PDB file of N, CA and C in Angstrom:
ATOM      1  N   MET A   1       9.511  -8.881   8.028  1.00  0.00           N
ATOM      2  CA  MET A   1       8.734  -8.161   7.034  1.00  0.00           C
ATOM      3  C   MET A   1       7.357  -7.865   7.633  1.00  0.00           C
ATOM      4  N   LYS A   2       7.029  -6.593   7.664  1.00  0.00           N
ATOM      5  CA  LYS A   2       5.793  -6.135   8.282  1.00  0.00           C
ATOM      6  C   LYS A   2       4.595  -6.282   7.347  1.00  0.00           C
ATOM      7  N   PHE A   3       4.803  -6.025   6.065  1.00  0.00           N
ATOM      8  CA  PHE A   3       3.713  -6.026   5.085  1.00  0.00           C
ATOM      9  C   PHE A   3       3.927  -7.085   4.017  1.00  0.00           C
ATOM     10  N   ASN A   4       2.817  -7.527   3.396  1.00  0.00           N
ATOM     11  CA  ASN A   4       2.912  -8.413   2.237  1.00  0.00           C
ATOM     12  C   ASN A   4       1.873  -7.990   1.215  1.00  0.00           C
ATOM     13  N   LYS A   5       2.010  -8.482  -0.012  1.00  0.00           N
ATOM     14  CA  LYS A   5       1.163  -8.016  -1.111  1.00  0.00           C
ATOM     15  C   LYS A   5      -0.290  -8.471  -0.999  1.00  0.00           C
ATOM     16  N   ASP A   6      -0.576  -9.417  -0.122  1.00  0.00           N
ATOM     17  CA  ASP A   6      -1.943  -9.901   0.046  1.00  0.00           C
ATOM     18  C   ASP A   6      -2.714  -9.147   1.127  1.00  0.00           C
ATOM     19  N   MET A   7      -2.038  -8.223   1.797  1.00  0.00           N
ATOM     20  CA  MET A   7      -2.709  -7.412   2.818  1.00  0.00           C
ATOM     21  C   MET A   7      -3.510  -6.314   2.135  1.00  0.00           C
ATOM     22  N   THR A   8      -4.644  -5.945   2.739  1.00  0.00           N
ATOM     23  CA  THR A   8      -5.397  -4.828   2.188  1.00  0.00           C
ATOM     24  C   THR A   8      -4.727  -3.526   2.602  1.00  0.00           C
ATOM     25  N   ILE A   9      -5.015  -2.482   1.830  1.00  0.00           N
ATOM     26  CA  ILE A   9      -4.479  -1.167   2.161  1.00  0.00           C
ATOM     27  C   ILE A   9      -4.973  -0.775   3.559  1.00  0.00           C
ATOM     28  N   GLY A  10      -6.228  -1.073   3.837  1.00  0.00           N
ATOM     29  CA  GLY A  10      -6.792  -0.766   5.153  1.00  0.00           C
ATOM     30  C   GLY A  10      -6.037  -1.444   6.284  1.00  0.00           C
ATOM     31  N   GLU A  11      -5.708  -2.723   6.108  1.00  0.00           N
ATOM     32  CA  GLU A  11      -4.928  -3.449   7.134  1.00  0.00           C
ATOM     33  C   GLU A  11      -3.569  -2.791   7.334  1.00  0.00           C
ATOM     34  N   MET A  12      -2.955  -2.451   6.236  1.00  0.00           N
ATOM     35  CA  MET A  12      -1.621  -1.859   6.300  1.00  0.00           C
ATOM     36  C   MET A  12      -1.652  -0.520   7.025  1.00  0.00           C
ATOM     37  N   LEU A  13      -2.674   0.280   6.764  1.00  0.00           N
ATOM     38  CA  LEU A  13      -2.791   1.579   7.417  1.00  0.00           C
ATOM     39  C   LEU A  13      -3.056   1.440   8.904  1.00  0.00           C
ATOM     40  N   ARG A  14      -3.770   0.388   9.287  1.00  0.00           N
ATOM     41  CA  ARG A  14      -4.005   0.156  10.717  1.00  0.00           C
ATOM     42  C   ARG A  14      -2.705  -0.233  11.437  1.00  0.00           C
ATOM     43  N   ILE A  15      -1.778  -0.837  10.716  1.00  0.00           N
ATOM     44  CA  ILE A  15      -0.490  -1.221  11.294  1.00  0.00           C
ATOM     45  C   ILE A  15       0.448  -0.022  11.400  1.00  0.00           C
ATOM     46  N   ASP A  16       0.480   0.792  10.336  1.00  0.00           N
ATOM     47  CA  ASP A  16       1.439   1.902  10.311  1.00  0.00           C
ATOM     48  C   ASP A  16       0.985   2.992   9.344  1.00  0.00           C
ATOM     49  N   THR A  17       0.529   4.107   9.880  1.00  0.00           N
ATOM     50  CA  THR A  17       0.089   5.217   9.026  1.00  0.00           C
ATOM     51  C   THR A  17       1.261   5.948   8.377  1.00  0.00           C
ATOM     52  N   ASN A  18       2.469   5.634   8.787  1.00  0.00           N
ATOM     53  CA  ASN A  18       3.643   6.262   8.177  1.00  0.00           C
ATOM     54  C   ASN A  18       3.847   5.822   6.730  1.00  0.00           C
ATOM     55  N   ILE A  19       3.078   4.840   6.268  1.00  0.00           N
ATOM     56  CA  ILE A  19       3.198   4.401   4.876  1.00  0.00           C
ATOM     57  C   ILE A  19       2.459   5.342   3.922  1.00  0.00           C
ATOM     58  N   ILE A  20       1.628   6.229   4.453  1.00  0.00           N
ATOM     59  CA  ILE A  20       0.832   7.108   3.597  1.00  0.00           C
ATOM     60  C   ILE A  20       1.689   7.900   2.610  1.00  0.00           C
ATOM     61  N   PRO A  21       2.773   8.572   3.036  1.00  0.00           N
ATOM     62  CA  PRO A  21       3.576   9.313   2.055  1.00  0.00           C
ATOM     63  C   PRO A  21       4.152   8.429   0.941  1.00  0.00           C
ATOM     64  N   ILE A  22       4.514   7.209   1.278  1.00  0.00           N
ATOM     65  CA  ILE A  22       5.068   6.296   0.266  1.00  0.00           C
ATOM     66  C   ILE A  22       3.992   5.946  -0.751  1.00  0.00           C
ATOM     67  N   LEU A  23       2.789   5.630  -0.271  1.00  0.00           N
ATOM     68  CA  LEU A  23       1.691   5.306  -1.177  1.00  0.00           C
ATOM     69  C   LEU A  23       1.311   6.513  -2.031  1.00  0.00           C
ATOM     70  N   MET A  24       1.262   7.687  -1.415  1.00  0.00           N
ATOM     71  CA  MET A  24       0.929   8.908  -2.148  1.00  0.00           C
ATOM     72  C   MET A  24       1.975   9.205  -3.226  1.00  0.00           C
ATOM     73  N   ASP A  25       3.253   9.080  -2.880  1.00  0.00           N
ATOM     74  CA  ASP A  25       4.334   9.312  -3.849  1.00  0.00           C
ATOM     75  C   ASP A  25       4.262   8.330  -5.013  1.00  0.00           C
ATOM     76  N   ALA A  26       3.725   7.146  -4.750  1.00  0.00           N
ATOM     77  CA  ALA A  26       3.600   6.126  -5.793  1.00  0.00           C
ATOM     78  C   ALA A  26       2.381   6.372  -6.681  1.00  0.00           C
ATOM     79  N   GLY A  27       1.548   7.358  -6.313  1.00  0.00           N
ATOM     80  CA  GLY A  27       0.377   7.671  -7.126  1.00  0.00           C
ATOM     81  C   GLY A  27      -0.922   7.116  -6.585  1.00  0.00           C
ATOM     82  N   MET A  28      -0.877   6.528  -5.409  1.00  0.00           N
ATOM     83  CA  MET A  28      -2.087   5.988  -4.777  1.00  0.00           C
ATOM     84  C   MET A  28      -2.692   7.070  -3.894  1.00  0.00           C
ATOM     85  N   HIS A  29      -3.484   7.950  -4.507  1.00  0.00           N
ATOM     86  CA  HIS A  29      -4.028   9.110  -3.809  1.00  0.00           C
ATOM     87  C   HIS A  29      -5.368   8.857  -3.144  1.00  0.00           C
ATOM     88  N   CYS A  30      -5.914   7.681  -3.271  1.00  0.00           N
ATOM     89  CA  CYS A  30      -7.236   7.403  -2.688  1.00  0.00           C
ATOM     90  C   CYS A  30      -7.107   6.547  -1.428  1.00  0.00           C
ATOM     91  N   ILE A  31      -6.185   6.905  -0.577  1.00  0.00           N
ATOM     92  CA  ILE A  31      -5.909   6.157   0.653  1.00  0.00           C
ATOM     93  C   ILE A  31      -7.167   5.955   1.493  1.00  0.00           C
ATOM     94  N   GLY A  32      -7.992   6.971   1.601  1.00  0.00           N
ATOM     95  CA  GLY A  32      -9.175   6.896   2.447  1.00  0.00           C
ATOM     96  C   GLY A  32     -10.437   6.422   1.752  1.00  0.00           C
ATOM     97  N   CYS A  33     -10.369   6.138   0.461  1.00  0.00           N
ATOM     98  CA  CYS A  33     -11.588   5.751  -0.252  1.00  0.00           C
ATOM     99  C   CYS A  33     -11.998   4.318   0.124  1.00  0.00           C
ATOM    100  N   PRO A  34     -13.282   4.025   0.047  1.00  0.00           N
ATOM    101  CA  PRO A  34     -13.768   2.702   0.462  1.00  0.00           C
ATOM    102  C   PRO A  34     -13.093   1.529  -0.253  1.00  0.00           C
ATOM    103  N   SER A  35     -12.776   1.670  -1.529  1.00  0.00           N
ATOM    104  CA  SER A  35     -12.157   0.539  -2.236  1.00  0.00           C
ATOM    105  C   SER A  35     -10.761   0.246  -1.698  1.00  0.00           C
ATOM    106  N   ALA A  36     -10.075   1.266  -1.212  1.00  0.00           N
ATOM    107  CA  ALA A  36      -8.732   1.054  -0.663  1.00  0.00           C
ATOM    108  C   ALA A  36      -8.782   0.207   0.600  1.00  0.00           C
ATOM    109  N   GLN A  37      -9.882   0.248   1.309  1.00  0.00           N
ATOM    110  CA  GLN A  37     -10.000  -0.522   2.542  1.00  0.00           C
ATOM    111  C   GLN A  37     -10.074  -2.024   2.273  1.00  0.00           C
ATOM    112  N   GLY A  38     -10.615  -2.410   1.119  1.00  0.00           N
ATOM    113  CA  GLY A  38     -10.757  -3.830   0.817  1.00  0.00           C
ATOM    114  C   GLY A  38      -9.856  -4.321  -0.291  1.00  0.00           C
ATOM    115  N   GLU A  39      -9.064  -3.438  -0.856  1.00  0.00           N
ATOM    116  CA  GLU A  39      -8.195  -3.781  -1.975  1.00  0.00           C
ATOM    117  C   GLU A  39      -6.825  -4.192  -1.463  1.00  0.00           C
ATOM    118  N   THR A  40      -6.297  -5.289  -1.971  1.00  0.00           N
ATOM    119  CA  THR A  40      -4.957  -5.703  -1.550  1.00  0.00           C
ATOM    120  C   THR A  40      -3.910  -4.790  -2.179  1.00  0.00           C
ATOM    121  N   LEU A  41      -2.729  -4.808  -1.605  1.00  0.00           N
ATOM    122  CA  LEU A  41      -1.647  -4.015  -2.162  1.00  0.00           C
ATOM    123  C   LEU A  41      -1.371  -4.442  -3.601  1.00  0.00           C
ATOM    124  N   GLU A  42      -1.421  -5.733  -3.851  1.00  0.00           N
ATOM    125  CA  GLU A  42      -1.167  -6.231  -5.200  1.00  0.00           C
ATOM    126  C   GLU A  42      -2.219  -5.723  -6.185  1.00  0.00           C
ATOM    127  N   GLU A  43      -3.490  -5.738  -5.785  1.00  0.00           N
ATOM    128  CA  GLU A  43      -4.570  -5.238  -6.642  1.00  0.00           C
ATOM    129  C   GLU A  43      -4.403  -3.742  -6.903  1.00  0.00           C
ATOM    130  N   ALA A  44      -4.082  -2.995  -5.864  1.00  0.00           N
ATOM    131  CA  ALA A  44      -3.900  -1.551  -6.010  1.00  0.00           C
ATOM    132  C   ALA A  44      -2.711  -1.243  -6.919  1.00  0.00           C
ATOM    133  N   ALA A  45      -1.630  -1.980  -6.763  1.00  0.00           N
ATOM    134  CA  ALA A  45      -0.455  -1.774  -7.604  1.00  0.00           C
ATOM    135  C   ALA A  45      -0.790  -2.056  -9.065  1.00  0.00           C
ATOM    136  N   LEU A  46      -1.559  -3.100  -9.306  1.00  0.00           N
ATOM    137  CA  LEU A  46      -1.961  -3.448 -10.672  1.00  0.00           C
ATOM    138  C   LEU A  46      -2.784  -2.325 -11.295  1.00  0.00           C
ATOM    139  N   VAL A  47      -3.746  -1.820 -10.553  1.00  0.00           N
ATOM    140  CA  VAL A  47      -4.608  -0.735 -11.034  1.00  0.00           C
ATOM    141  C   VAL A  47      -3.784   0.509 -11.373  1.00  0.00           C
ATOM    142  N   HIS A  48      -2.760   0.766 -10.566  1.00  0.00           N
ATOM    143  CA  HIS A  48      -1.948   1.969 -10.748  1.00  0.00           C
ATOM    144  C   HIS A  48      -0.711   1.728 -11.602  1.00  0.00           C
ATOM    145  N   GLY A  49      -0.548   0.520 -12.135  1.00  0.00           N
ATOM    146  CA  GLY A  49       0.583   0.216 -13.013  1.00  0.00           C
ATOM    147  C   GLY A  49       1.926   0.229 -12.303  1.00  0.00           C
ATOM    148  N   LEU A  50       1.926  -0.218 -11.042  1.00  0.00           N
ATOM    149  CA  LEU A  50       3.144  -0.205 -10.238  1.00  0.00           C
ATOM    150  C   LEU A  50       3.707  -1.603 -10.042  1.00  0.00           C
ATOM    151  N   ASP A  51       4.988  -1.667  -9.802  1.00  0.00           N
ATOM    152  CA  ASP A  51       5.661  -2.919  -9.472  1.00  0.00           C
ATOM    153  C   ASP A  51       5.427  -3.189  -7.983  1.00  0.00           C
ATOM    154  N   VAL A  52       4.593  -4.165  -7.671  1.00  0.00           N
ATOM    155  CA  VAL A  52       4.218  -4.427  -6.276  1.00  0.00           C
ATOM    156  C   VAL A  52       5.429  -4.808  -5.425  1.00  0.00           C
ATOM    157  N   ASP A  53       6.379  -5.523  -5.985  1.00  0.00           N
ATOM    158  CA  ASP A  53       7.550  -5.937  -5.211  1.00  0.00           C
ATOM    159  C   ASP A  53       8.424  -4.742  -4.838  1.00  0.00           C
ATOM    160  N   ALA A  54       8.602  -3.807  -5.762  1.00  0.00           N
ATOM    161  CA  ALA A  54       9.396  -2.610  -5.476  1.00  0.00           C
ATOM    162  C   ALA A  54       8.691  -1.750  -4.425  1.00  0.00           C
ATOM    163  N   LEU A  55       7.374  -1.621  -4.547  1.00  0.00           N
ATOM    164  CA  LEU A  55       6.602  -0.850  -3.583  1.00  0.00           C
ATOM    165  C   LEU A  55       6.663  -1.502  -2.207  1.00  0.00           C
ATOM    166  N   LEU A  56       6.522  -2.798  -2.176  1.00  0.00           N
ATOM    167  CA  LEU A  56       6.570  -3.545  -0.916  1.00  0.00           C
ATOM    168  C   LEU A  56       7.929  -3.384  -0.232  1.00  0.00           C
ATOM    169  N   GLU A  57       8.971  -3.363  -1.020  1.00  0.00           N
ATOM    170  CA  GLU A  57      10.309  -3.174  -0.455  1.00  0.00           C
ATOM    171  C   GLU A  57      10.407  -1.826   0.253  1.00  0.00           C
ATOM    172  N   LYS A  58       9.897  -0.771  -0.385  1.00  0.00           N
ATOM    173  CA  LYS A  58       9.909   0.565   0.229  1.00  0.00           C
ATOM    174  C   LYS A  58       9.085   0.594   1.509  1.00  0.00           C
ATOM    175  N   LEU A  59       7.920  -0.022   1.466  1.00  0.00           N
ATOM    176  CA  LEU A  59       7.038  -0.027   2.625  1.00  0.00           C
ATOM    177  C   LEU A  59       7.658  -0.774   3.806  1.00  0.00           C
ATOM    178  N   ASN A  60       8.353  -1.857   3.526  1.00  0.00           N
ATOM    179  CA  ASN A  60       8.947  -2.656   4.583  1.00  0.00           C
ATOM    180  C   ASN A  60      10.279  -2.097   5.088  1.00  0.00           C
ATOM    181  N   GLU A  61      10.800  -1.046   4.442  1.00  0.00           N
ATOM    182  CA  GLU A  61      12.005  -0.390   4.922  1.00  0.00           C
ATOM    183  C   GLU A  61      11.716   0.520   6.101  1.00  0.00           C
ATOM    184  N   LEU A  62      10.448   0.895   6.283  1.00  0.00           N
ATOM    185  CA  LEU A  62      10.070   1.767   7.389  1.00  0.00           C
ATOM    186  C   LEU A  62      10.278   1.068   8.719  1.00  0.00           C
ATOM    187  N   GLU A  63      10.752   1.797   9.660  1.00  0.00           N
ATOM    188  CA  GLU A  63      10.905   1.245  11.021  1.00  0.00           C
ATOM    189  C   GLU A  63       9.936   1.911  11.935  1.00  0.00           C
TER     190      GLU A  63
END
């Protein structure tokens, strides 16, 4: 598993920018905003009303 819910969006993007379309499709359109750099995936999912586990599964399916 490449990603976990405690990682910040910024950390995740540094690992793999291919996650951007998945995040955008989920409604997370502020990928480049300063809060996204310090916000964990779990925090971002909560703000956007998303199921963090389902999102994490999609993100970790990327090769």
